[in-house]
Amino acid sequence: MTACEVCSSSEFAPMFDKLGHHFVRCSTCSLERISPQPSDEELAKIYGAHYYDAWGLHDNEDTVATLKRRTFKYVLGKLDTPAPGSKLLDCGAATGFLLDVAKDLGYEPYALELSEFGSQAIAKKFGADRVFCGELENIEFPGVKPGDFDVITMCDYIEHVRNPRDILGLARKLLGKGGTIAITTPDAGSPSHRVLRSGWTHYKLEHLFYFNQKNFESLLKDVGFSSVKFYPLWKSLSLDYIGHQFEVYPHPALTALARGIRKIVPAPIRALPLPFSTGELLAVARV
C-alpha cells in the first residue's frame, strides 16, 4: 500500500468493503481512501459518454443549469471581487456552468475538462482556446503561462484524482502571487458522514480520497498555500434533482425515501431550488 497522501504514514486501518474495493483510513491523519485504487479500465467505464446523465441534462437542462449556477455563485461569492482581466481556471469544469457565473462576474474563464462531451460544450460557449481536454499535468493555453491565473476552482474534482498532492502542487504553480484556490470536496468530518457511515452517499468508486478539514488544511499548507479558510457548502438542489441522483446512484434507504416524496409532493414544489448541506466542505486558500 502506498503512503498517505497527506502525512506519508504507511499505517491504514480497514473501514469496510464496498463496490468490490476496500475502504481504509489513515491511522495518523484520518484521510480515507480506496485501496487499491480502481483500475484505469474501471474508471473509463464510469467516465463514459453518459457520466453526466445523473444531472438530468438531457431532460431538464435549463433547470439543472439554474441549480448549478446558483451553487457556483455561492462558491465564487466567497472570493474577492475580481480585478479587470483576472483569469480563472476551473478544473473539472463539466459543461461550463461555473464558467458562466465567472464570466458574469468579470473573470476571463478557462477550463480543464477530461471528457469530450464537456469539453465540446465549453468550446461552443467560450471558444476552443479556452478549454483544455485532458489532465492538469499537461495543461496549456495559447498565450497563457504558469503564474498567469488569479483564481483556480476545483468543485467536486480533487477527490477524483489519483495524486491530490501533486495536483494541488501544480495548481500552486499555475497561480500568480496573491492567487486564490477554491475547492469543494466531500467532508469526511461532516455530520452526514458520521450518521450514514458506510452508507454515506459520497462513497463512490470514482471518489478515490475523502478528506476532513484538518487533514485537508495540512495538505494545502504543505504544497505552499496559506490563509486556508473553510465555509459550509450549501448546494442549490431541487427535490426532483435529488430524486434523479438517487435513481442513478441507488441507496438502500434514501432512494425509497426520494420516491415516496415524489409521490406526495406537487411537481411545482419538487422543482423549486432549495439550499441543501450535502456533507461537503468549501476550502479557500491563497498563494
C-alpha atoms as a PDB file:
ATOM      1  CA  MET A   1       0.000   0.000   0.000  1.00  0.00           C
ATOM      2  CA  THR A   2       1.331   3.440  -0.917  1.00  0.00           C
ATOM      3  CA  ALA A   3       1.973   6.064   1.755  1.00  0.00           C
ATOM      4  CA  CYS A   4      -0.706   8.505   2.870  1.00  0.00           C
ATOM      5  CA  GLU A   5      -1.067  11.484   0.509  1.00  0.00           C
ATOM      6  CA  VAL A   6      -1.300  13.876   3.466  1.00  0.00           C
ATOM      7  CA  CYS A   7       1.088  12.683   6.188  1.00  0.00           C
ATOM      8  CA  SER A   8       3.159   9.933   4.473  1.00  0.00           C
ATOM      9  CA  SER A   9       2.134   7.346   7.064  1.00  0.00           C
ATOM     10  CA  SER A  10       2.045   3.731   5.924  1.00  0.00           C
ATOM     11  CA  GLU A  11      -0.416   2.674   8.626  1.00  0.00           C
ATOM     12  CA  PHE A  12      -4.039   2.303   7.490  1.00  0.00           C
ATOM     13  CA  ALA A  13      -6.994   0.785   9.311  1.00  0.00           C
ATOM     14  CA  PRO A  14      -9.689  -1.115   7.392  1.00  0.00           C
ATOM     15  CA  MET A  15     -13.113   0.545   7.348  1.00  0.00           C
ATOM     16  CA  PHE A  16     -15.364  -1.619   5.159  1.00  0.00           C
ATOM     17  CA  ASP A  17     -15.619  -3.249   1.742  1.00  0.00           C
ATOM     18  CA  LYS A  18     -17.908  -1.683  -0.841  1.00  0.00           C
ATOM     19  CA  LEU A  19     -18.266  -1.658  -4.621  1.00  0.00           C
ATOM     20  CA  GLY A  20     -15.763  -4.501  -4.819  1.00  0.00           C
ATOM     21  CA  HIS A  21     -12.998  -2.494  -3.127  1.00  0.00           C
ATOM     22  CA  HIS A  22     -11.517  -1.883   0.332  1.00  0.00           C
ATOM     23  CA  PHE A  23     -12.037   1.465   2.028  1.00  0.00           C
ATOM     24  CA  VAL A  24      -9.336   2.350   4.571  1.00  0.00           C
ATOM     25  CA  ARG A  25      -8.465   5.217   6.927  1.00  0.00           C
ATOM     26  CA  CYS A  26      -5.003   6.591   7.714  1.00  0.00           C
ATOM     27  CA  SER A  27      -4.211   5.818  11.350  1.00  0.00           C
ATOM     28  CA  THR A  28      -2.362   9.135  11.720  1.00  0.00           C
ATOM     29  CA  CYS A  29      -4.341  11.860   9.914  1.00  0.00           C
ATOM     30  CA  SER A  30      -7.666  10.082   9.176  1.00  0.00           C
ATOM     31  CA  LEU A  31      -7.513  10.509   5.403  1.00  0.00           C
ATOM     32  CA  GLU A  32      -9.855   7.941   3.884  1.00  0.00           C
ATOM     33  CA  ARG A  33      -9.245   6.287   0.547  1.00  0.00           C
ATOM     34  CA  ILE A  34      -9.997   3.329  -1.678  1.00  0.00           C
ATOM     35  CA  SER A  35      -7.256   0.705  -1.612  1.00  0.00           C
ATOM     36  CA  PRO A  36      -6.220  -0.407  -4.085  1.00  0.00           C
ATOM     37  CA  GLN A  37      -7.492   2.293  -6.404  1.00  0.00           C
ATOM     38  CA  PRO A  38      -9.805   1.278  -9.258  1.00  0.00           C
ATOM     39  CA  SER A  39      -8.031   0.430 -12.490  1.00  0.00           C
ATOM     40  CA  ASP A  40      -7.961   2.752 -15.478  1.00  0.00           C
ATOM     41  CA  GLU A  41     -10.408   0.392 -17.176  1.00  0.00           C
ATOM     42  CA  GLU A  42     -12.879   0.611 -14.287  1.00  0.00           C
ATOM     43  CA  LEU A  43     -12.725   4.391 -14.240  1.00  0.00           C
ATOM     44  CA  ALA A  44     -13.041   4.618 -18.026  1.00  0.00           C
ATOM     45  CA  LYS A  45     -16.375   2.803 -17.796  1.00  0.00           C
ATOM     46  CA  ILE A  46     -17.583   5.336 -15.221  1.00  0.00           C
ATOM     47  CA  TYR A  47     -16.399   8.411 -17.109  1.00  0.00           C
ATOM     48  CA  GLY A  48     -18.038   7.422 -20.368  1.00  0.00           C
ATOM     49  CA  ALA A  49     -20.409   9.384 -22.558  1.00  0.00           C
ATOM     50  CA  HIS A  50     -23.239   9.014 -20.042  1.00  0.00           C
ATOM     51  CA  TYR A  51     -21.370  10.183 -16.925  1.00  0.00           C
ATOM     52  CA  TYR A  52     -23.363  13.418 -16.679  1.00  0.00           C
ATOM     53  CA  ASP A  53     -26.703  11.640 -17.069  1.00  0.00           C
ATOM     54  CA  ALA A  54     -27.009  11.810 -13.277  1.00  0.00           C
ATOM     55  CA  TRP A  55     -27.573  15.545 -13.674  1.00  0.00           C
ATOM     56  CA  GLY A  56     -30.594  15.007 -15.909  1.00  0.00           C
ATOM     57  CA  LEU A  57     -29.168  17.309 -18.591  1.00  0.00           C
ATOM     58  CA  HIS A  58     -30.998  15.647 -21.455  1.00  0.00           C
ATOM     59  CA  ASP A  59     -34.460  16.152 -19.972  1.00  0.00           C
ATOM     60  CA  ASN A  60     -34.103  19.243 -17.777  1.00  0.00           C
ATOM     61  CA  GLU A  61     -31.082  21.197 -18.989  1.00  0.00           C
ATOM     62  CA  ASP A  62     -32.473  24.630 -18.084  1.00  0.00           C
ATOM     63  CA  THR A  63     -33.432  23.524 -14.572  1.00  0.00           C
ATOM     64  CA  VAL A  64     -30.065  21.856 -13.975  1.00  0.00           C
ATOM     65  CA  ALA A  65     -28.264  24.949 -15.278  1.00  0.00           C
ATOM     66  CA  THR A  66     -30.157  27.139 -12.813  1.00  0.00           C
ATOM     67  CA  LEU A  67     -29.264  24.873  -9.876  1.00  0.00           C
ATOM     68  CA  LYS A  68     -25.595  24.602 -10.804  1.00  0.00           C
ATOM     69  CA  ARG A  69     -25.180  28.322 -11.398  1.00  0.00           C
ATOM     70  CA  ARG A  70     -26.783  29.187  -8.067  1.00  0.00           C
ATOM     71  CA  THR A  71     -24.349  26.862  -6.289  1.00  0.00           C
ATOM     72  CA  PHE A  72     -21.340  28.264  -8.134  1.00  0.00           C
ATOM     73  CA  LYS A  73     -22.465  31.823  -7.462  1.00  0.00           C
ATOM     74  CA  TYR A  74     -22.338  30.938  -3.765  1.00  0.00           C
ATOM     75  CA  VAL A  75     -18.826  29.463  -4.142  1.00  0.00           C
ATOM     76  CA  LEU A  76     -17.416  32.405  -6.111  1.00  0.00           C
ATOM     77  CA  GLY A  77     -19.113  34.780  -3.699  1.00  0.00           C
ATOM     78  CA  LYS A  78     -16.560  33.717  -1.073  1.00  0.00           C
ATOM     79  CA  LEU A  79     -13.748  35.205  -3.193  1.00  0.00           C
ATOM     80  CA  ASP A  80     -12.629  38.803  -3.601  1.00  0.00           C
ATOM     81  CA  THR A  81     -14.163  40.868  -6.390  1.00  0.00           C
ATOM     82  CA  PRO A  82     -12.025  40.199  -9.479  1.00  0.00           C
ATOM     83  CA  ALA A  83      -9.835  42.923 -10.938  1.00  0.00           C
ATOM     84  CA  PRO A  84     -10.299  43.616 -14.659  1.00  0.00           C
ATOM     85  CA  GLY A  85      -8.707  40.868 -16.738  1.00  0.00           C
ATOM     86  CA  SER A  86      -8.485  38.341 -13.894  1.00  0.00           C
ATOM     87  CA  LYS A  87      -8.069  34.819 -15.225  1.00  0.00           C
ATOM     88  CA  LEU A  88      -9.995  31.938 -13.652  1.00  0.00           C
ATOM     89  CA  LEU A  89      -9.282  28.272 -14.361  1.00  0.00           C
ATOM     90  CA  ASP A  90     -11.986  25.767 -13.467  1.00  0.00           C
ATOM     91  CA  CYS A  91     -10.654  22.215 -13.090  1.00  0.00           C
ATOM     92  CA  GLY A  92     -13.223  19.536 -13.806  1.00  0.00           C
ATOM     93  CA  ALA A  93     -15.416  22.126 -15.492  1.00  0.00           C
ATOM     94  CA  ALA A  94     -18.028  19.641 -16.789  1.00  0.00           C
ATOM     95  CA  THR A  95     -20.176  21.628 -19.237  1.00  0.00           C
ATOM     96  CA  GLY A  96     -19.117  25.061 -18.005  1.00  0.00           C
ATOM     97  CA  PHE A  97     -21.790  26.256 -15.589  1.00  0.00           C
ATOM     98  CA  LEU A  98     -19.231  27.710 -13.164  1.00  0.00           C
ATOM     99  CA  LEU A  99     -17.582  29.495 -16.078  1.00  0.00           C
ATOM    100  CA  ASP A 100     -20.920  31.106 -16.946  1.00  0.00           C
ATOM    101  CA  VAL A 101     -21.035  32.639 -13.481  1.00  0.00           C
ATOM    102  CA  ALA A 102     -17.345  33.561 -13.554  1.00  0.00           C
ATOM    103  CA  LYS A 103     -17.741  35.420 -16.841  1.00  0.00           C
ATOM    104  CA  ASP A 104     -20.739  37.333 -15.483  1.00  0.00           C
ATOM    105  CA  LEU A 105     -18.592  38.383 -12.505  1.00  0.00           C
ATOM    106  CA  GLY A 106     -15.870  39.734 -14.785  1.00  0.00           C
ATOM    107  CA  TYR A 107     -13.366  36.871 -14.981  1.00  0.00           C
ATOM    108  CA  GLU A 108     -11.691  35.632 -18.140  1.00  0.00           C
ATOM    109  CA  PRO A 109     -12.810  31.979 -17.981  1.00  0.00           C
ATOM    110  CA  TYR A 110     -10.622  28.955 -18.748  1.00  0.00           C
ATOM    111  CA  ALA A 111     -11.474  25.286 -18.319  1.00  0.00           C
ATOM    112  CA  LEU A 112      -9.826  21.930 -17.711  1.00  0.00           C
ATOM    113  CA  GLU A 113     -12.155  19.043 -18.540  1.00  0.00           C
ATOM    114  CA  LEU A 114     -11.367  15.382 -19.122  1.00  0.00           C
ATOM    115  CA  SER A 115     -14.497  14.402 -21.045  1.00  0.00           C
ATOM    116  CA  GLU A 116     -15.010  15.123 -24.729  1.00  0.00           C
ATOM    117  CA  PHE A 117     -18.685  15.803 -24.050  1.00  0.00           C
ATOM    118  CA  GLY A 118     -17.978  18.530 -21.512  1.00  0.00           C
ATOM    119  CA  SER A 119     -15.065  19.997 -23.455  1.00  0.00           C
ATOM    120  CA  GLN A 120     -17.151  20.375 -26.596  1.00  0.00           C
ATOM    121  CA  ALA A 121     -19.940  22.091 -24.682  1.00  0.00           C
ATOM    122  CA  ILE A 122     -17.446  24.563 -23.192  1.00  0.00           C
ATOM    123  CA  ALA A 123     -15.777  25.215 -26.551  1.00  0.00           C
ATOM    124  CA  LYS A 124     -19.136  26.144 -28.064  1.00  0.00           C
ATOM    125  CA  LYS A 125     -19.729  28.746 -25.352  1.00  0.00           C
ATOM    126  CA  PHE A 126     -16.275  30.191 -24.768  1.00  0.00           C
ATOM    127  CA  GLY A 127     -14.126  29.101 -27.711  1.00  0.00           C
ATOM    128  CA  ALA A 128     -11.798  26.153 -28.238  1.00  0.00           C
ATOM    129  CA  ASP A 129      -8.847  28.204 -26.971  1.00  0.00           C
ATOM    130  CA  ARG A 130     -10.468  28.424 -23.514  1.00  0.00           C
ATOM    131  CA  VAL A 131     -10.763  24.705 -22.784  1.00  0.00           C
ATOM    132  CA  PHE A 132      -8.089  22.036 -22.384  1.00  0.00           C
ATOM    133  CA  CYS A 133      -9.365  18.473 -22.723  1.00  0.00           C
ATOM    134  CA  GLY A 134      -7.034  16.284 -20.673  1.00  0.00           C
ATOM    135  CA  GLU A 135      -5.111  16.147 -17.391  1.00  0.00           C
ATOM    136  CA  LEU A 136      -3.804  19.085 -15.359  1.00  0.00           C
ATOM    137  CA  GLU A 137      -0.236  17.807 -15.757  1.00  0.00           C
ATOM    138  CA  ASN A 138      -0.390  18.595 -19.480  1.00  0.00           C
ATOM    139  CA  ILE A 139      -2.464  21.767 -19.459  1.00  0.00           C
ATOM    140  CA  GLU A 140      -1.648  24.583 -21.843  1.00  0.00           C
ATOM    141  CA  PHE A 141      -3.464  27.536 -23.354  1.00  0.00           C
ATOM    142  CA  PRO A 142      -2.347  29.896 -26.137  1.00  0.00           C
ATOM    143  CA  GLY A 143      -0.629  32.927 -24.641  1.00  0.00           C
ATOM    144  CA  VAL A 144      -1.032  31.746 -21.035  1.00  0.00           C
ATOM    145  CA  LYS A 145       1.904  30.649 -18.879  1.00  0.00           C
ATOM    146  CA  PRO A 146       2.286  29.333 -15.305  1.00  0.00           C
ATOM    147  CA  GLY A 147       1.609  32.118 -12.828  1.00  0.00           C
ATOM    148  CA  ASP A 148      -0.925  33.887 -15.045  1.00  0.00           C
ATOM    149  CA  PHE A 149      -4.039  32.605 -13.287  1.00  0.00           C
ATOM    150  CA  ASP A 150      -5.611  34.633 -10.489  1.00  0.00           C
ATOM    151  CA  VAL A 151      -8.144  32.025  -9.364  1.00  0.00           C
ATOM    152  CA  ILE A 152      -8.366  28.250  -9.692  1.00  0.00           C
ATOM    153  CA  THR A 153     -11.558  26.413  -8.794  1.00  0.00           C
ATOM    154  CA  MET A 154     -11.897  22.688  -8.164  1.00  0.00           C
ATOM    155  CA  CYS A 155     -15.517  21.795  -7.464  1.00  0.00           C
ATOM    156  CA  ASP A 156     -16.046  18.055  -6.981  1.00  0.00           C
ATOM    157  CA  TYR A 157     -12.672  17.422  -8.597  1.00  0.00           C
ATOM    158  CA  ILE A 158      -9.850  16.706  -6.140  1.00  0.00           C
ATOM    159  CA  GLU A 159     -11.464  13.506  -4.797  1.00  0.00           C
ATOM    160  CA  HIS A 160     -11.365  12.070  -8.335  1.00  0.00           C
ATOM    161  CA  VAL A 161      -7.618  12.369  -8.986  1.00  0.00           C
ATOM    162  CA  ARG A 162      -5.053   9.671  -8.202  1.00  0.00           C
ATOM    163  CA  ASN A 163      -2.455  12.115  -6.871  1.00  0.00           C
ATOM    164  CA  PRO A 164      -4.091  15.013  -4.992  1.00  0.00           C
ATOM    165  CA  ARG A 165      -0.812  16.269  -3.509  1.00  0.00           C
ATOM    166  CA  ASP A 166       0.788  16.582  -6.942  1.00  0.00           C
ATOM    167  CA  ILE A 167      -2.332  18.165  -8.429  1.00  0.00           C
ATOM    168  CA  LEU A 168      -2.528  20.821  -5.716  1.00  0.00           C
ATOM    169  CA  GLY A 169       1.177  21.496  -6.175  1.00  0.00           C
ATOM    170  CA  LEU A 170       0.614  22.044  -9.897  1.00  0.00           C
ATOM    171  CA  ALA A 171      -2.274  24.384  -9.142  1.00  0.00           C
ATOM    172  CA  ARG A 172       0.001  26.350  -6.826  1.00  0.00           C
ATOM    173  CA  LYS A 173       2.468  26.877  -9.692  1.00  0.00           C
ATOM    174  CA  LEU A 174      -0.266  27.969 -12.106  1.00  0.00           C
ATOM    175  CA  LEU A 175      -1.429  30.725  -9.759  1.00  0.00           C
ATOM    176  CA  GLY A 176       0.232  34.110  -9.631  1.00  0.00           C
ATOM    177  CA  LYS A 177       1.296  35.888  -6.452  1.00  0.00           C
ATOM    178  CA  GLY A 178      -1.736  36.507  -4.274  1.00  0.00           C
ATOM    179  CA  GLY A 179      -3.756  33.990  -6.284  1.00  0.00           C
ATOM    180  CA  THR A 180      -6.650  32.067  -4.767  1.00  0.00           C
ATOM    181  CA  ILE A 181      -7.845  28.484  -4.958  1.00  0.00           C
ATOM    182  CA  ALA A 182     -11.390  27.412  -4.074  1.00  0.00           C
ATOM    183  CA  ILE A 183     -12.133  23.714  -3.613  1.00  0.00           C
ATOM    184  CA  THR A 184     -15.255  21.736  -2.790  1.00  0.00           C
ATOM    185  CA  THR A 185     -14.986  18.064  -1.856  1.00  0.00           C
ATOM    186  CA  PRO A 186     -16.816  15.527   0.337  1.00  0.00           C
ATOM    187  CA  ASP A 187     -16.128  16.167   4.033  1.00  0.00           C
ATOM    188  CA  ALA A 188     -15.248  13.029   5.994  1.00  0.00           C
ATOM    189  CA  GLY A 189     -15.795  15.056   9.166  1.00  0.00           C
ATOM    190  CA  SER A 190     -19.371  16.037   8.316  1.00  0.00           C
ATOM    191  CA  PRO A 191     -22.461  15.010  10.317  1.00  0.00           C
ATOM    192  CA  SER A 192     -23.810  13.012   7.353  1.00  0.00           C
ATOM    193  CA  HIS A 193     -20.558  11.012   7.260  1.00  0.00           C
ATOM    194  CA  ARG A 194     -20.876  10.180  10.955  1.00  0.00           C
ATOM    195  CA  VAL A 195     -24.548   9.215  10.682  1.00  0.00           C
ATOM    196  CA  LEU A 196     -24.582   7.243   7.416  1.00  0.00           C
ATOM    197  CA  ARG A 197     -21.177   5.568   7.901  1.00  0.00           C
ATOM    198  CA  SER A 198     -20.578   3.056   5.092  1.00  0.00           C
ATOM    199  CA  GLY A 199     -23.870   4.189   3.543  1.00  0.00           C
ATOM    200  CA  TRP A 200     -22.576   7.740   3.090  1.00  0.00           C
ATOM    201  CA  THR A 201     -23.697   8.859  -0.348  1.00  0.00           C
ATOM    202  CA  HIS A 202     -20.257  10.203  -1.306  1.00  0.00           C
ATOM    203  CA  TYR A 203     -18.657   6.758  -1.176  1.00  0.00           C
ATOM    204  CA  LYS A 204     -18.388   6.085  -4.909  1.00  0.00           C
ATOM    205  CA  LEU A 205     -15.881   4.147  -6.969  1.00  0.00           C
ATOM    206  CA  GLU A 206     -14.724   7.317  -8.745  1.00  0.00           C
ATOM    207  CA  HIS A 207     -14.087   9.102  -5.417  1.00  0.00           C
ATOM    208  CA  LEU A 208     -10.589   7.939  -4.532  1.00  0.00           C
ATOM    209  CA  PHE A 209      -9.908  10.134  -1.457  1.00  0.00           C
ATOM    210  CA  TYR A 210     -12.007  11.573   1.379  1.00  0.00           C
ATOM    211  CA  PHE A 211     -10.626  14.488   3.386  1.00  0.00           C
ATOM    212  CA  ASN A 212     -11.700  16.276   6.544  1.00  0.00           C
ATOM    213  CA  GLN A 213     -10.968  19.925   7.287  1.00  0.00           C
ATOM    214  CA  LYS A 214      -7.908  19.223   9.433  1.00  0.00           C
ATOM    215  CA  ASN A 215      -6.023  16.948   7.050  1.00  0.00           C
ATOM    216  CA  PHE A 216      -7.053  18.970   4.002  1.00  0.00           C
ATOM    217  CA  GLU A 217      -5.711  22.171   5.538  1.00  0.00           C
ATOM    218  CA  SER A 218      -2.463  20.351   6.311  1.00  0.00           C
ATOM    219  CA  LEU A 219      -2.153  19.196   2.700  1.00  0.00           C
ATOM    220  CA  LEU A 220      -2.865  22.656   1.287  1.00  0.00           C
ATOM    221  CA  LYS A 221      -0.229  24.246   3.500  1.00  0.00           C
ATOM    222  CA  ASP A 222       2.306  21.525   2.681  1.00  0.00           C
ATOM    223  CA  VAL A 223       2.139  22.353  -1.030  1.00  0.00           C
ATOM    224  CA  GLY A 224       2.506  26.098  -0.479  1.00  0.00           C
ATOM    225  CA  PHE A 225      -0.923  27.584   0.200  1.00  0.00           C
ATOM    226  CA  SER A 226      -1.718  29.794   3.177  1.00  0.00           C
ATOM    227  CA  SER A 227      -4.642  31.569   4.844  1.00  0.00           C
ATOM    228  CA  VAL A 228      -6.836  28.476   4.499  1.00  0.00           C
ATOM    229  CA  LYS A 229     -10.477  29.142   5.336  1.00  0.00           C
ATOM    230  CA  PHE A 230     -13.391  26.732   5.410  1.00  0.00           C
ATOM    231  CA  TYR A 231     -17.024  27.557   4.745  1.00  0.00           C
ATOM    232  CA  PRO A 232     -20.188  25.490   4.912  1.00  0.00           C
ATOM    233  CA  LEU A 233     -21.100  24.393   1.399  1.00  0.00           C
ATOM    234  CA  TRP A 234     -24.732  24.940   0.521  1.00  0.00           C
ATOM    235  CA  LYS A 235     -25.716  23.463  -2.814  1.00  0.00           C
ATOM    236  CA  SER A 236     -28.792  24.631  -4.665  1.00  0.00           C
ATOM    237  CA  LEU A 237     -30.820  21.480  -5.370  1.00  0.00           C
ATOM    238  CA  SER A 238     -34.409  20.559  -6.108  1.00  0.00           C
ATOM    239  CA  LEU A 239     -36.295  17.535  -4.818  1.00  0.00           C
ATOM    240  CA  ASP A 240     -36.585  16.300  -8.403  1.00  0.00           C
ATOM    241  CA  TYR A 241     -32.825  16.610  -8.900  1.00  0.00           C
ATOM    242  CA  ILE A 242     -32.126  14.746  -5.663  1.00  0.00           C
ATOM    243  CA  GLY A 243     -34.585  12.029  -6.648  1.00  0.00           C
ATOM    244  CA  HIS A 244     -32.882  11.619 -10.011  1.00  0.00           C
ATOM    245  CA  GLN A 245     -29.491  11.323  -8.288  1.00  0.00           C
ATOM    246  CA  PHE A 246     -30.745   8.505  -6.077  1.00  0.00           C
ATOM    247  CA  GLU A 247     -32.048   6.628  -9.114  1.00  0.00           C
ATOM    248  CA  VAL A 248     -28.637   6.816 -10.806  1.00  0.00           C
ATOM    249  CA  TYR A 249     -26.780   6.124  -7.528  1.00  0.00           C
ATOM    250  CA  PRO A 250     -29.208   3.891  -5.577  1.00  0.00           C
ATOM    251  CA  HIS A 251     -29.137   3.997  -1.772  1.00  0.00           C
ATOM    252  CA  PRO A 252     -30.905   1.335   0.351  1.00  0.00           C
ATOM    253  CA  ALA A 253     -32.958   3.852   2.338  1.00  0.00           C
ATOM    254  CA  LEU A 254     -32.683   7.227   0.604  1.00  0.00           C
ATOM    255  CA  THR A 255     -33.825   6.059  -2.840  1.00  0.00           C
ATOM    256  CA  ALA A 256     -37.070   4.754  -1.356  1.00  0.00           C
ATOM    257  CA  LEU A 257     -37.497   7.985   0.614  1.00  0.00           C
ATOM    258  CA  ALA A 258     -36.988  10.080  -2.518  1.00  0.00           C
ATOM    259  CA  ARG A 259     -39.576   8.019  -4.391  1.00  0.00           C
ATOM    260  CA  GLY A 260     -42.049   8.499  -1.557  1.00  0.00           C
ATOM    261  CA  ILE A 261     -41.534  12.258  -1.597  1.00  0.00           C
ATOM    262  CA  ARG A 262     -42.076  12.324  -5.351  1.00  0.00           C
ATOM    263  CA  LYS A 263     -45.487  10.704  -4.891  1.00  0.00           C
ATOM    264  CA  ILE A 264     -46.812  13.172  -2.319  1.00  0.00           C
ATOM    265  CA  VAL A 265     -45.125  16.497  -3.145  1.00  0.00           C
ATOM    266  CA  PRO A 266     -46.630  18.519  -6.034  1.00  0.00           C
ATOM    267  CA  ALA A 267     -44.426  18.905  -9.118  1.00  0.00           C
ATOM    268  CA  PRO A 268     -44.040  22.717  -8.833  1.00  0.00           C
ATOM    269  CA  ILE A 269     -42.652  22.349  -5.311  1.00  0.00           C
ATOM    270  CA  ARG A 270     -40.355  19.477  -6.330  1.00  0.00           C
ATOM    271  CA  ALA A 271     -38.816  21.767  -8.948  1.00  0.00           C
ATOM    272  CA  LEU A 272     -38.006  24.632  -6.569  1.00  0.00           C
ATOM    273  CA  PRO A 273     -34.289  25.351  -5.972  1.00  0.00           C
ATOM    274  CA  LEU A 274     -33.531  24.941  -2.274  1.00  0.00           C
ATOM    275  CA  PRO A 275     -30.282  25.156  -0.270  1.00  0.00           C
ATOM    276  CA  PHE A 276     -29.016  21.788   0.969  1.00  0.00           C
ATOM    277  CA  SER A 277     -25.982  20.866   3.042  1.00  0.00           C
ATOM    278  CA  THR A 278     -24.688  17.720   1.332  1.00  0.00           C
ATOM    279  CA  GLY A 279     -21.779  16.731   3.565  1.00  0.00           C
ATOM    280  CA  GLU A 280     -19.124  18.635   1.635  1.00  0.00           C
ATOM    281  CA  LEU A 281     -16.582  21.295   2.530  1.00  0.00           C
ATOM    282  CA  LEU A 282     -15.595  24.502   0.765  1.00  0.00           C
ATOM    283  CA  ALA A 283     -11.952  25.471   1.225  1.00  0.00           C
ATOM    284  CA  VAL A 284     -10.469  28.780   0.085  1.00  0.00           C
ATOM    285  CA  ALA A 285      -6.707  29.373   0.255  1.00  0.00           C
ATOM    286  CA  ARG A 286      -4.137  31.830  -1.082  1.00  0.00           C
ATOM    287  CA  VAL A 287      -0.689  31.630  -2.575  1.00  0.00           C
END
